[in-house]
Protein backbone atom coordinates (compact mmCIF):
# COMPACT_ATOMS: atom_id res chain seq x y z
CA MET A 1 0.40 -0.30 21.25
CA LYS A 2 -2.02 -2.38 19.22
CA THR A 3 -1.04 -4.67 16.38
CA ILE A 4 -2.92 -4.49 13.10
CA ALA A 5 -4.22 -8.03 13.67
CA ALA A 6 -5.75 -7.07 17.02
CA LEU A 7 -7.39 -3.98 15.52
CA LEU A 8 -8.87 -5.95 12.66
CA LEU A 9 -10.28 -8.68 14.89
CA ALA A 10 -11.82 -6.08 17.19
CA SER A 11 -13.53 -4.22 14.35
CA ALA A 12 -14.39 -7.12 12.00
CA ALA A 13 -18.09 -7.03 12.90
CA ASN A 14 -18.43 -3.33 12.03
CA ALA A 15 -16.09 -3.04 9.03
CA ALA A 16 -17.68 -2.12 5.70
CA PRO A 17 -17.24 -4.86 3.09
CA VAL A 18 -14.56 -4.24 0.49
CA PRO A 19 -15.99 -4.26 -3.08
CA ALA A 20 -15.31 -7.26 -5.30
CA GLU A 21 -13.63 -5.07 -7.95
CA ILE A 22 -11.85 -1.74 -7.65
CA ARG A 23 -10.07 0.31 -10.29
CA ALA A 24 -8.38 3.54 -9.28
CA GLU A 25 -6.32 6.16 -11.09
CA TYR A 26 -3.94 8.52 -9.30
CA GLU A 27 -1.75 11.39 -10.40
CA VAL A 28 1.71 11.69 -8.84
CA THR A 29 3.23 15.12 -8.29
CA SER A 30 6.47 16.46 -6.86
CA ALA A 31 6.69 20.13 -5.87
CA GLY A 32 3.42 20.67 -7.72
CA VAL A 33 4.67 19.18 -11.00
CA ARG A 34 3.06 16.05 -12.43
CA VAL A 35 5.67 13.29 -12.69
CA GLY A 36 3.62 10.10 -12.96
CA ARG A 37 0.32 8.26 -13.04
CA VAL A 38 -0.69 5.18 -11.06
CA THR A 39 -3.35 2.63 -12.05
CA ASP A 40 -4.50 0.23 -9.33
CA THR A 41 -6.71 -2.82 -9.89
CA PHE A 42 -8.11 -4.96 -7.06
CA THR A 43 -10.19 -8.12 -7.57
CA ARG A 44 -11.74 -10.31 -4.88
CA LYS A 45 -13.09 -13.77 -5.76
CA GLY A 46 -14.34 -15.83 -2.84
CA ASP A 47 -11.52 -15.96 -0.31
CA THR A 48 -8.79 -14.92 -2.75
CA TYR A 49 -7.60 -11.56 -4.07
CA THR A 50 -5.30 -10.12 -6.73
CA LEU A 51 -3.80 -6.64 -6.79
CA SER A 52 -1.91 -4.76 -9.48
CA SER A 53 -0.39 -1.27 -9.34
CA VAL A 54 1.24 0.20 -12.43
CA THR A 55 3.19 3.47 -12.18
CA ARG A 56 4.17 5.29 -15.38
CA SER A 57 6.40 8.34 -15.59
CA GLU A 58 4.83 11.49 -17.07
CA GLY A 59 5.62 15.16 -17.59
CA PRO A 60 9.20 16.43 -17.27
CA LEU A 61 10.32 13.21 -15.56
CA LYS A 62 9.53 11.19 -18.69
CA LEU A 63 12.14 13.14 -20.66
CA PHE A 64 15.04 11.58 -18.74
CA LEU A 65 13.42 8.66 -16.87
CA ASP A 66 10.83 7.02 -19.09
CA ASP A 67 9.94 3.91 -17.09
CA GLN A 68 7.07 1.80 -15.84
CA VAL A 69 6.99 -0.05 -12.50
CA THR A 70 4.46 -2.81 -11.86
CA LEU A 71 3.68 -4.16 -8.40
CA GLU A 72 1.59 -7.33 -8.12
CA SER A 73 0.17 -9.08 -5.08
CA ALA A 74 -1.98 -12.19 -4.76
CA GLY A 75 -3.20 -14.14 -1.78
CA ARG A 76 -6.09 -15.10 0.47
CA ILE A 77 -8.60 -13.20 2.57
CA VAL A 78 -8.55 -14.68 6.06
CA ALA A 79 -11.04 -13.38 8.66
CA GLY A 80 -11.36 -10.20 6.63
CA ASN A 81 -7.59 -9.66 6.40
CA LEU A 82 -5.41 -9.75 3.31
CA GLN A 83 -2.80 -12.51 3.54
CA PRO A 84 -0.31 -12.23 0.66
CA SER A 85 1.08 -15.42 -0.87
CA GLN A 86 2.92 -13.88 -3.85
CA PHE A 87 4.47 -10.47 -4.42
CA GLY A 88 6.39 -9.14 -7.39
CA GLN A 89 7.94 -5.93 -8.66
CA ARG A 90 8.86 -5.45 -12.31
CA ARG A 91 10.60 -2.51 -14.00
CA LEU A 92 10.03 -2.20 -17.74
CA LYS A 93 13.41 -0.63 -18.50
CA ASP A 94 15.55 -2.45 -15.91
CA PRO A 95 14.53 -6.10 -15.33
CA SER A 96 17.72 -6.62 -13.31
CA ARG A 97 15.94 -4.87 -10.42
CA ASP A 98 12.88 -7.14 -10.52
CA VAL A 99 11.83 -8.71 -7.21
CA SER A 100 9.73 -11.79 -6.54
CA ALA A 101 8.68 -13.21 -3.19
CA THR A 102 6.59 -16.12 -1.92
CA PHE A 103 5.02 -15.94 1.53
CA ASP A 104 5.18 -19.34 3.27
CA TRP A 105 2.84 -18.84 6.21
CA GLU A 106 3.11 -22.44 7.43
CA ARG A 107 6.89 -22.20 7.84
CA GLY A 108 6.87 -18.52 8.73
CA VAL A 109 9.33 -17.45 6.01
CA ILE A 110 9.42 -15.37 2.83
CA HIS A 111 11.27 -16.89 -0.14
CA SER A 112 12.88 -13.88 -1.83
CA SER A 113 14.56 -13.61 -5.23
CA TYR A 114 16.49 -10.50 -6.32
CA LYS A 115 19.36 -10.13 -8.80
CA GLY A 116 19.86 -13.89 -8.93
CA GLU A 117 20.12 -14.20 -5.15
CA ARG A 118 17.61 -16.40 -3.33
CA LYS A 119 17.15 -16.21 0.41
CA GLU A 120 14.68 -16.84 3.21
CA ILE A 121 13.42 -14.02 5.42
CA PRO A 122 11.49 -14.44 8.69
CA LEU A 123 7.76 -13.77 8.14
CA PRO A 124 6.04 -12.04 11.09
CA ARG A 125 2.33 -12.56 11.65
CA ALA A 126 0.02 -10.23 9.62
CA THR A 127 2.83 -9.04 7.31
CA GLN A 128 1.70 -7.12 4.23
CA ASP A 129 3.57 -6.35 1.01
CA ARG A 130 4.15 -2.96 -0.60
CA ILE A 131 0.82 -2.84 -2.40
CA SER A 132 -1.44 -4.87 -0.06
CA LEU A 133 -0.55 -2.59 2.87
CA LEU A 134 -2.76 0.31 1.69
CA TYR A 135 -5.66 -2.01 0.90
CA GLN A 136 -5.35 -3.65 4.30
CA LEU A 137 -5.83 -0.23 5.91
CA MET A 138 -9.30 -0.16 4.36
CA SER A 139 -10.42 -2.74 6.94
CA VAL A 140 -9.05 -0.88 9.94
CA LYS A 141 -11.06 1.17 12.40
CA PRO A 142 -8.36 2.53 14.70
CA GLY A 143 -8.93 2.96 18.40
CA ASN A 144 -6.86 5.17 20.65
CA GLY A 145 -3.55 3.39 20.11
CA ASN A 146 -1.03 3.30 17.31
CA MET A 147 -1.19 0.60 14.64
CA THR A 148 1.81 -1.62 13.97
CA ILE A 149 2.05 -3.32 10.57
CA PRO A 150 4.97 -5.45 9.32
CA MET A 151 5.58 -4.70 5.61
CA SER A 152 7.79 -6.53 3.11
CA ASN A 153 9.14 -5.16 -0.17
CA GLY A 154 10.02 -8.72 -1.15
CA ARG A 155 13.62 -8.38 0.05
CA ARG A 156 13.20 -7.58 3.74
CA VAL A 157 10.53 -6.85 6.36
CA GLU A 158 10.15 -3.48 8.07
CA VAL A 159 7.73 -2.55 10.84
CA TYR A 160 5.48 0.40 10.08
CA THR A 161 3.69 2.14 12.94
CA TYR A 162 0.82 4.49 12.09
CA ARG A 163 -1.05 6.98 14.24
CA VAL A 164 -4.29 8.84 13.66
CA VAL A 165 -3.69 12.54 12.92
CA GLU A 166 -7.21 13.86 12.40
CA ASN A 167 -10.54 13.56 10.65
CA VAL A 168 -10.42 16.06 7.82
CA ARG A 169 -12.20 16.89 4.56
CA ILE A 170 -9.83 17.12 1.60
CA ALA A 171 -10.10 17.97 -2.11
CA THR A 172 -8.64 15.73 -4.83
CA PRO A 173 -9.04 15.71 -8.63
CA ALA A 174 -11.72 13.02 -8.05
CA GLY A 175 -13.71 15.26 -5.69
CA GLU A 176 -13.94 16.08 -1.99
CA PHE A 177 -13.87 13.41 0.70
CA ASP A 178 -14.26 13.18 4.47
CA THR A 179 -11.12 11.30 5.44
CA LEU A 180 -9.21 9.71 8.26
CA HIS A 181 -5.63 11.02 8.12
CA LEU A 182 -2.91 8.58 9.23
CA GLU A 183 0.84 9.11 9.37
CA ARG A 184 3.80 6.84 9.92
CA VAL A 185 5.52 7.15 13.29
CA ASN A 186 9.24 7.13 12.56
CA ALA A 187 11.84 5.81 14.98
CA SER A 188 14.70 7.48 13.09
CA PRO A 189 15.12 10.54 10.82
CA LYS A 190 16.67 8.15 8.28
CA GLU A 191 13.32 6.41 7.75
CA ASN A 192 10.93 7.38 4.95
CA ARG A 193 7.88 9.33 6.05
CA ALA A 194 4.44 8.28 4.86
CA GLU A 195 0.94 9.71 5.21
CA VAL A 196 -2.39 8.36 3.93
CA TRP A 197 -5.91 9.78 3.81
CA LEU A 198 -8.74 7.19 3.84
CA ALA A 199 -12.18 8.21 2.47
CA LYS A 200 -14.62 7.22 5.21
CA GLU A 201 -17.70 7.13 2.96
CA ARG A 202 -15.85 5.20 0.22
CA PHE A 203 -15.00 2.03 2.20
CA ASN A 204 -11.89 3.70 3.67
CA PHE A 205 -10.24 3.84 0.26
CA PRO A 206 -6.88 5.69 0.08
CA VAL A 207 -7.54 8.93 -1.81
CA ARG A 208 -4.24 10.65 -1.02
CA VAL A 209 -0.82 9.22 -0.17
CA VAL A 210 2.33 11.25 0.53
CA PHE A 211 5.88 9.90 0.71
CA ASP A 212 8.91 11.86 1.95
CA ASP A 213 12.39 10.39 1.85
CA PRO A 214 15.26 11.62 4.07
CA LYS A 215 16.98 13.22 1.06
CA GLY A 216 14.12 15.67 0.58
CA LEU A 217 12.14 14.08 -2.26
CA ARG A 218 8.40 14.44 -1.66
CA LEU A 219 5.86 12.57 -3.80
CA GLU A 220 2.13 13.20 -3.51
CA GLN A 221 -0.35 10.73 -4.96
CA ASN A 222 -3.93 12.00 -5.40
CA LEU A 223 -7.00 10.13 -6.60
CA VAL A 224 -8.22 11.06 -10.08
CA ALA A 225 -10.90 8.39 -10.68
CA LEU A 226 -12.42 5.50 -8.75
CA GLU A 227 -14.66 2.67 -9.94
CA ALA A 228 -15.94 -0.02 -7.59
CA ARG A 229 -18.55 -2.73 -7.63
């Protein structure tokens, strides 16, 4: 099994450069019904980056759960890899569930703050946060093995293993794309399932993401618009 760091180092010479600015809009559906909209903004300046992802409820969901969730990530770009230094999650209607985390790479720990509790979490090499994970996949050119990526939600670190499913052309509201389809390899039925489709001719940008939780909720996120320069 290959780690994400090994894959990135092996493919660094051939990877397409990530644009300096990206703005993407997604629609979120559940069982074919629109329930939300996501706006992502990525900015790269020199060897630093900032990321923002704002999810707003829409459609029937807004009638009983009118909320907005903002994820923010900032850090450095090291040897072509995203290296988060700050991560935060904010809920417009429930600030008590806000999360903030600082990645201390020198000490190998994450300083986490949630509901007034502060703690330190071990920080594995090449760890990504909830939002940087998808953008890190843009730099990956998988070989024959699975990809292992530590991911932190600011409160803990979980290991995500992805495998290549197929090369497939898909249709989204933003158009048709030739994509690389990846899916999470789960060790337990209690883990959330995740799939992502990366547009090969659009710098491996995620154009579709699907999440399934063990309770049966399925959310599909499809690209509506993409601007990059």
